[in-house]
C-alpha atoms as a PDB file:
ATOM      1  CA  MET A   1      24.746 -48.525  29.600  1.00  0.00           C
ATOM      2  CA  PHE A   2      24.353 -45.610  31.981  1.00  0.00           C
ATOM      3  CA  ALA A   3      22.113 -42.565  32.329  1.00  0.00           C
ATOM      4  CA  ILE A   4      22.848 -39.084  33.619  1.00  0.00           C
ATOM      5  CA  SER A   5      20.393 -36.294  34.352  1.00  0.00           C
ATOM      6  CA  CYS A   6      20.826 -32.813  35.769  1.00  0.00           C
ATOM      7  CA  SER A   7      18.239 -30.108  36.472  1.00  0.00           C
ATOM      8  CA  ALA A   8      18.441 -26.429  37.344  1.00  0.00           C
ATOM      9  CA  ASP A   9      15.916 -23.735  38.141  1.00  0.00           C
ATOM     10  CA  ILE A  10      16.541 -20.875  35.734  1.00  0.00           C
ATOM     11  CA  LYS A  11      15.177 -17.373  36.247  1.00  0.00           C
ATOM     12  CA  CYS A  12      13.767 -16.901  32.763  1.00  0.00           C
ATOM     13  CA  SER A  13      10.603 -17.978  31.017  1.00  0.00           C
ATOM     14  CA  PRO A  14      10.265 -21.464  29.520  1.00  0.00           C
ATOM     15  CA  GLU A  15       9.840 -19.763  26.131  1.00  0.00           C
ATOM     16  CA  ALA A  16      13.181 -17.945  26.473  1.00  0.00           C
ATOM     17  CA  ALA A  17      14.938 -21.074  27.759  1.00  0.00           C
ATOM     18  CA  PHE A  18      13.541 -23.120  24.879  1.00  0.00           C
ATOM     19  CA  ALA A  19      14.393 -20.449  22.285  1.00  0.00           C
ATOM     20  CA  PHE A  20      18.048 -20.739  23.303  1.00  0.00           C
ATOM     21  CA  ALA A  21      18.629 -24.324  24.508  1.00  0.00           C
ATOM     22  CA  GLY A  22      16.099 -25.846  22.116  1.00  0.00           C
ATOM     23  CA  ASP A  23      18.189 -24.510  19.232  1.00  0.00           C
ATOM     24  CA  TYR A  24      20.971 -27.075  18.919  1.00  0.00           C
ATOM     25  CA  SER A  25      23.170 -24.601  17.040  1.00  0.00           C
ATOM     26  CA  ASN A  26      23.620 -22.741  20.380  1.00  0.00           C
ATOM     27  CA  ASP A  27      25.223 -25.785  22.037  1.00  0.00           C
ATOM     28  CA  PRO A  28      28.812 -24.503  21.605  1.00  0.00           C
ATOM     29  CA  LEU A  29      27.833 -21.535  23.804  1.00  0.00           C
ATOM     30  CA  TRP A  30      26.969 -23.682  26.831  1.00  0.00           C
ATOM     31  CA  ARG A  31      28.191 -27.265  26.356  1.00  0.00           C
ATOM     32  CA  THR A  32      31.830 -28.034  27.198  1.00  0.00           C
ATOM     33  CA  GLY A  33      33.857 -29.310  24.282  1.00  0.00           C
ATOM     34  CA  VAL A  34      31.244 -28.727  21.590  1.00  0.00           C
ATOM     35  CA  LEU A  35      33.121 -26.988  18.798  1.00  0.00           C
ATOM     36  CA  ALA A  36      30.242 -26.906  16.299  1.00  0.00           C
ATOM     37  CA  MET A  37      26.654 -28.072  16.093  1.00  0.00           C
ATOM     38  CA  SER A  38      24.303 -27.820  13.165  1.00  0.00           C
ATOM     39  CA  HIS A  39      21.014 -29.333  12.142  1.00  0.00           C
ATOM     40  CA  GLU A  40      19.464 -30.107   8.770  1.00  0.00           C
ATOM     41  CA  PRO A  41      17.218 -28.827   7.478  1.00  0.00           C
ATOM     42  CA  ALA A  42      18.588 -25.538   8.791  1.00  0.00           C
ATOM     43  CA  ASN A  43      15.416 -24.061  10.321  1.00  0.00           C
ATOM     44  CA  PRO A  44      13.334 -24.794  12.176  1.00  0.00           C
ATOM     45  CA  PRO A  45      14.498 -28.027  13.795  1.00  0.00           C
ATOM     46  CA  LYS A  46      11.796 -30.724  13.845  1.00  0.00           C
ATOM     47  CA  VAL A  47      11.279 -34.420  14.401  1.00  0.00           C
ATOM     48  CA  GLY A  48      13.350 -36.239  11.794  1.00  0.00           C
ATOM     49  CA  SER A  49      15.938 -33.451  11.426  1.00  0.00           C
ATOM     50  CA  THR A  50      19.543 -34.534  11.863  1.00  0.00           C
ATOM     51  CA  THR A  51      22.218 -32.848  13.930  1.00  0.00           C
ATOM     52  CA  ARG A  52      25.968 -32.922  13.383  1.00  0.00           C
ATOM     53  CA  GLU A  53      28.056 -32.303  16.481  1.00  0.00           C
ATOM     54  CA  THR A  54      31.812 -31.774  16.432  1.00  0.00           C
ATOM     55  CA  MET A  55      33.198 -32.220  19.931  1.00  0.00           C
ATOM     56  CA  ARG A  56      36.614 -32.268  21.572  1.00  0.00           C
ATOM     57  CA  SER A  57      36.736 -34.747  24.427  1.00  0.00           C
ATOM     58  CA  MET A  58      39.753 -36.284  26.160  1.00  0.00           C
ATOM     59  CA  GLY A  59      42.046 -34.669  23.602  1.00  0.00           C
ATOM     60  CA  ARG A  60      40.246 -36.139  20.586  1.00  0.00           C
ATOM     61  CA  ILE A  61      37.837 -34.709  18.039  1.00  0.00           C
ATOM     62  CA  ALA A  62      34.657 -36.732  17.512  1.00  0.00           C
ATOM     63  CA  ILE A  63      31.727 -36.207  15.171  1.00  0.00           C
ATOM     64  CA  THR A  64      28.296 -37.484  16.112  1.00  0.00           C
ATOM     65  CA  VAL A  65      25.304 -37.465  13.777  1.00  0.00           C
ATOM     66  CA  ALA A  66      21.947 -37.736  15.541  1.00  0.00           C
ATOM     67  CA  GLU A  67      18.260 -37.666  14.716  1.00  0.00           C
ATOM     68  CA  ILE A  68      15.801 -35.412  16.539  1.00  0.00           C
ATOM     69  CA  THR A  69      13.100 -37.748  17.865  1.00  0.00           C
ATOM     70  CA  GLU A  70      10.971 -35.206  19.789  1.00  0.00           C
ATOM     71  CA  TYR A  71      10.684 -31.473  19.315  1.00  0.00           C
ATOM     72  CA  SER A  72       8.160 -29.318  21.134  1.00  0.00           C
ATOM     73  CA  SER A  73       8.351 -26.152  23.216  1.00  0.00           C
ATOM     74  CA  SER A  74       8.550 -28.254  26.400  1.00  0.00           C
ATOM     75  CA  ARG A  75      10.883 -31.080  25.341  1.00  0.00           C
ATOM     76  CA  THR A  76      13.433 -32.042  22.718  1.00  0.00           C
ATOM     77  CA  ALA A  77      15.045 -35.456  22.333  1.00  0.00           C
ATOM     78  CA  PHE A  78      17.583 -37.143  20.075  1.00  0.00           C
ATOM     79  CA  ARG A  79      19.277 -40.458  19.382  1.00  0.00           C
ATOM     80  CA  SER A  80      22.675 -40.882  17.794  1.00  0.00           C
ATOM     81  CA  LEU A  81      22.962 -42.420  14.350  1.00  0.00           C
ATOM     82  CA  SER A  82      26.765 -42.484  14.272  1.00  0.00           C
ATOM     83  CA  GLY A  83      29.645 -41.454  16.480  1.00  0.00           C
ATOM     84  CA  PRO A  84      32.092 -42.869  18.997  1.00  0.00           C
ATOM     85  CA  VAL A  85      29.387 -43.870  21.529  1.00  0.00           C
ATOM     86  CA  SER A  86      25.745 -44.731  20.949  1.00  0.00           C
ATOM     87  CA  CYS A  87      23.633 -42.301  22.952  1.00  0.00           C
ATOM     88  CA  SER A  88      20.268 -40.644  23.354  1.00  0.00           C
ATOM     89  CA  GLY A  89      19.164 -37.650  25.333  1.00  0.00           C
ATOM     90  CA  SER A  90      16.582 -35.011  26.051  1.00  0.00           C
ATOM     91  CA  ARG A  91      16.107 -31.429  27.185  1.00  0.00           C
ATOM     92  CA  GLN A  92      13.001 -30.568  29.157  1.00  0.00           C
ATOM     93  CA  PHE A  93      11.622 -27.081  29.840  1.00  0.00           C
ATOM     94  CA  VAL A  94       8.997 -26.915  32.625  1.00  0.00           C
ATOM     95  CA  ALA A  95       7.441 -23.756  34.038  1.00  0.00           C
ATOM     96  CA  SER A  96       8.325 -23.185  37.691  1.00  0.00           C
ATOM     97  CA  PRO A  97       7.482 -20.468  40.243  1.00  0.00           C
ATOM     98  CA  THR A  98      10.835 -18.772  39.491  1.00  0.00           C
ATOM     99  CA  GLY A  99      10.857 -19.292  35.720  1.00  0.00           C
ATOM    100  CA  THR A 100      11.926 -22.646  34.237  1.00  0.00           C
ATOM    101  CA  THR A 101      13.137 -25.976  35.516  1.00  0.00           C
ATOM    102  CA  PHE A 102      15.508 -27.204  32.818  1.00  0.00           C
ATOM    103  CA  THR A 103      16.505 -30.877  32.776  1.00  0.00           C
ATOM    104  CA  TYR A 104      19.233 -32.293  30.553  1.00  0.00           C
ATOM    105  CA  SER A 105      19.392 -36.096  30.350  1.00  0.00           C
ATOM    106  CA  LEU A 106      21.756 -38.445  28.529  1.00  0.00           C
ATOM    107  CA  THR A 107      21.922 -42.218  28.162  1.00  0.00           C
ATOM    108  CA  LEU A 108      25.121 -43.733  26.798  1.00  0.00           C
ATOM    109  CA  HIS A 109      25.820 -47.241  25.568  1.00  0.00           C
ATOM    110  CA  PRO A 110      29.626 -47.652  25.569  1.00  0.00           C
ATOM    111  CA  THR A 111      30.898 -50.692  23.694  1.00  0.00           C
ATOM    112  CA  GLY A 112      34.226 -52.416  23.233  1.00  0.00           C
ATOM    113  CA  HIS A 113      37.114 -51.086  25.285  1.00  0.00           C
ATOM    114  CA  LEU A 114      35.007 -48.110  26.441  1.00  0.00           C
ATOM    115  CA  ARG A 115      32.887 -50.479  28.552  1.00  0.00           C
ATOM    116  CA  LEU A 116      35.960 -51.086  30.713  1.00  0.00           C
ATOM    117  CA  PHE A 117      36.023 -47.381  31.539  1.00  0.00           C
ATOM    118  CA  GLU A 118      32.285 -47.014  32.138  1.00  0.00           C
ATOM    119  CA  PRO A 119      32.555 -45.963  35.839  1.00  0.00           C
ATOM    120  CA  LEU A 120      35.101 -43.278  34.951  1.00  0.00           C
ATOM    121  CA  LEU A 121      33.110 -42.136  31.901  1.00  0.00           C
ATOM    122  CA  ARG A 122      29.944 -41.898  34.037  1.00  0.00           C
ATOM    123  CA  TRP A 123      31.732 -39.781  36.647  1.00  0.00           C
ATOM    124  CA  LEU A 124      33.374 -37.496  34.069  1.00  0.00           C
ATOM    125  CA  LEU A 125      30.189 -37.014  32.078  1.00  0.00           C
ATOM    126  CA  ALA A 126      28.055 -36.368  35.171  1.00  0.00           C
ATOM    127  CA  ARG A 127      30.528 -33.671  36.256  1.00  0.00           C
ATOM    128  CA  GLN A 128      30.548 -32.147  32.775  1.00  0.00           C
ATOM    129  CA  VAL A 129      26.743 -32.147  32.463  1.00  0.00           C
ATOM    130  CA  ARG A 130      26.385 -30.408  35.856  1.00  0.00           C
ATOM    131  CA  LYS A 131      28.837 -27.709  34.747  1.00  0.00           C
ATOM    132  CA  ASP A 132      27.115 -27.334  31.375  1.00  0.00           C
ATOM    133  CA  VAL A 133      23.670 -26.917  32.953  1.00  0.00           C
ATOM    134  CA  LEU A 134      25.081 -24.261  35.308  1.00  0.00           C
ATOM    135  CA  ARG A 135      26.713 -22.529  32.331  1.00  0.00           C
ATOM    136  CA  LEU A 136      23.334 -22.509  30.565  1.00  0.00           C
ATOM    137  CA  LYS A 137      21.630 -21.159  33.697  1.00  0.00           C
ATOM    138  CA  ASN A 138      24.182 -18.338  34.027  1.00  0.00           C
ATOM    139  CA  HIS A 139      23.910 -17.463  30.337  1.00  0.00           C
ATOM    140  CA  LEU A 140      20.104 -17.333  30.317  1.00  0.00           C
ATOM    141  CA  GLU A 141      19.827 -15.414  33.591  1.00  0.00           C
ATOM    142  CA  THR A 142      22.421 -12.877  32.423  1.00  0.00           C
ATOM    143  CA  GLN A 143      20.516 -12.433  29.145  1.00  0.00           C
ATOM    144  CA  ALA A 144      17.214 -12.012  31.036  1.00  0.00           C
ATOM    145  CA  GLN A 145      18.788  -9.308  33.244  1.00  0.00           C
ATOM    146  CA  ARG A 146      20.218  -7.464  30.232  1.00  0.00           C
ATOM    147  CA  CYS A 147      16.825  -7.443  28.557  1.00  0.00           C
ATOM    148  CA  GLY A 148      15.073  -6.401  31.759  1.00  0.00           C
ATOM    149  CA  ALA A 149      12.851  -9.452  31.380  1.00  0.00           C
ATOM    150  CA  SER A 150      10.893 -10.728  34.318  1.00  0.00           C
ATOM    151  CA  PRO A 151      11.600 -14.343  35.180  1.00  0.00           C
ATOM    152  CA  GLN A 152       7.906 -14.873  35.826  1.00  0.00           C
ATOM    153  CA  ARG A 153       5.583 -16.153  33.166  1.00  0.00           C
ATOM    154  CA  ALA A 154       2.806 -13.868  32.002  1.00  0.00           C
ATOM    155  CA  GLY A 155      -0.189 -14.317  34.283  1.00  0.00           C
ATOM    156  CA  ALA A 156       1.832 -16.196  36.887  1.00  0.00           C
END
């Protein structure tokens, strides 16, 4: 088992960050390798909803079904129900002086032959998560600039 976490300060409101990154169907726009992501029931996501992620990783296509275990405007979390690797994770949205501190965390439980490659998997996934969080930051800050939105929260 190993855990990975990455945070970034994003110049947009926690509400705007949550509206985008709290909607799992937007994952293909910021997460490397995610080809499709959906959740059922369709809207709005909630505790008990399931997600279906189709991802290309290391040249293979994998499908992971997960259950949303937490869902609020400040934090979402999930745990896998099926897929190539048992995992859980969360997304946290915390107000900061410049907008939002976003934290993306994953815990993986590789089994079988994948356990032999755990150090490599940890390194690859940590690198990917850092890039994904930066991609999210760039996307949200570009959107905030286009909309002329202030990164500050109302009353801050």
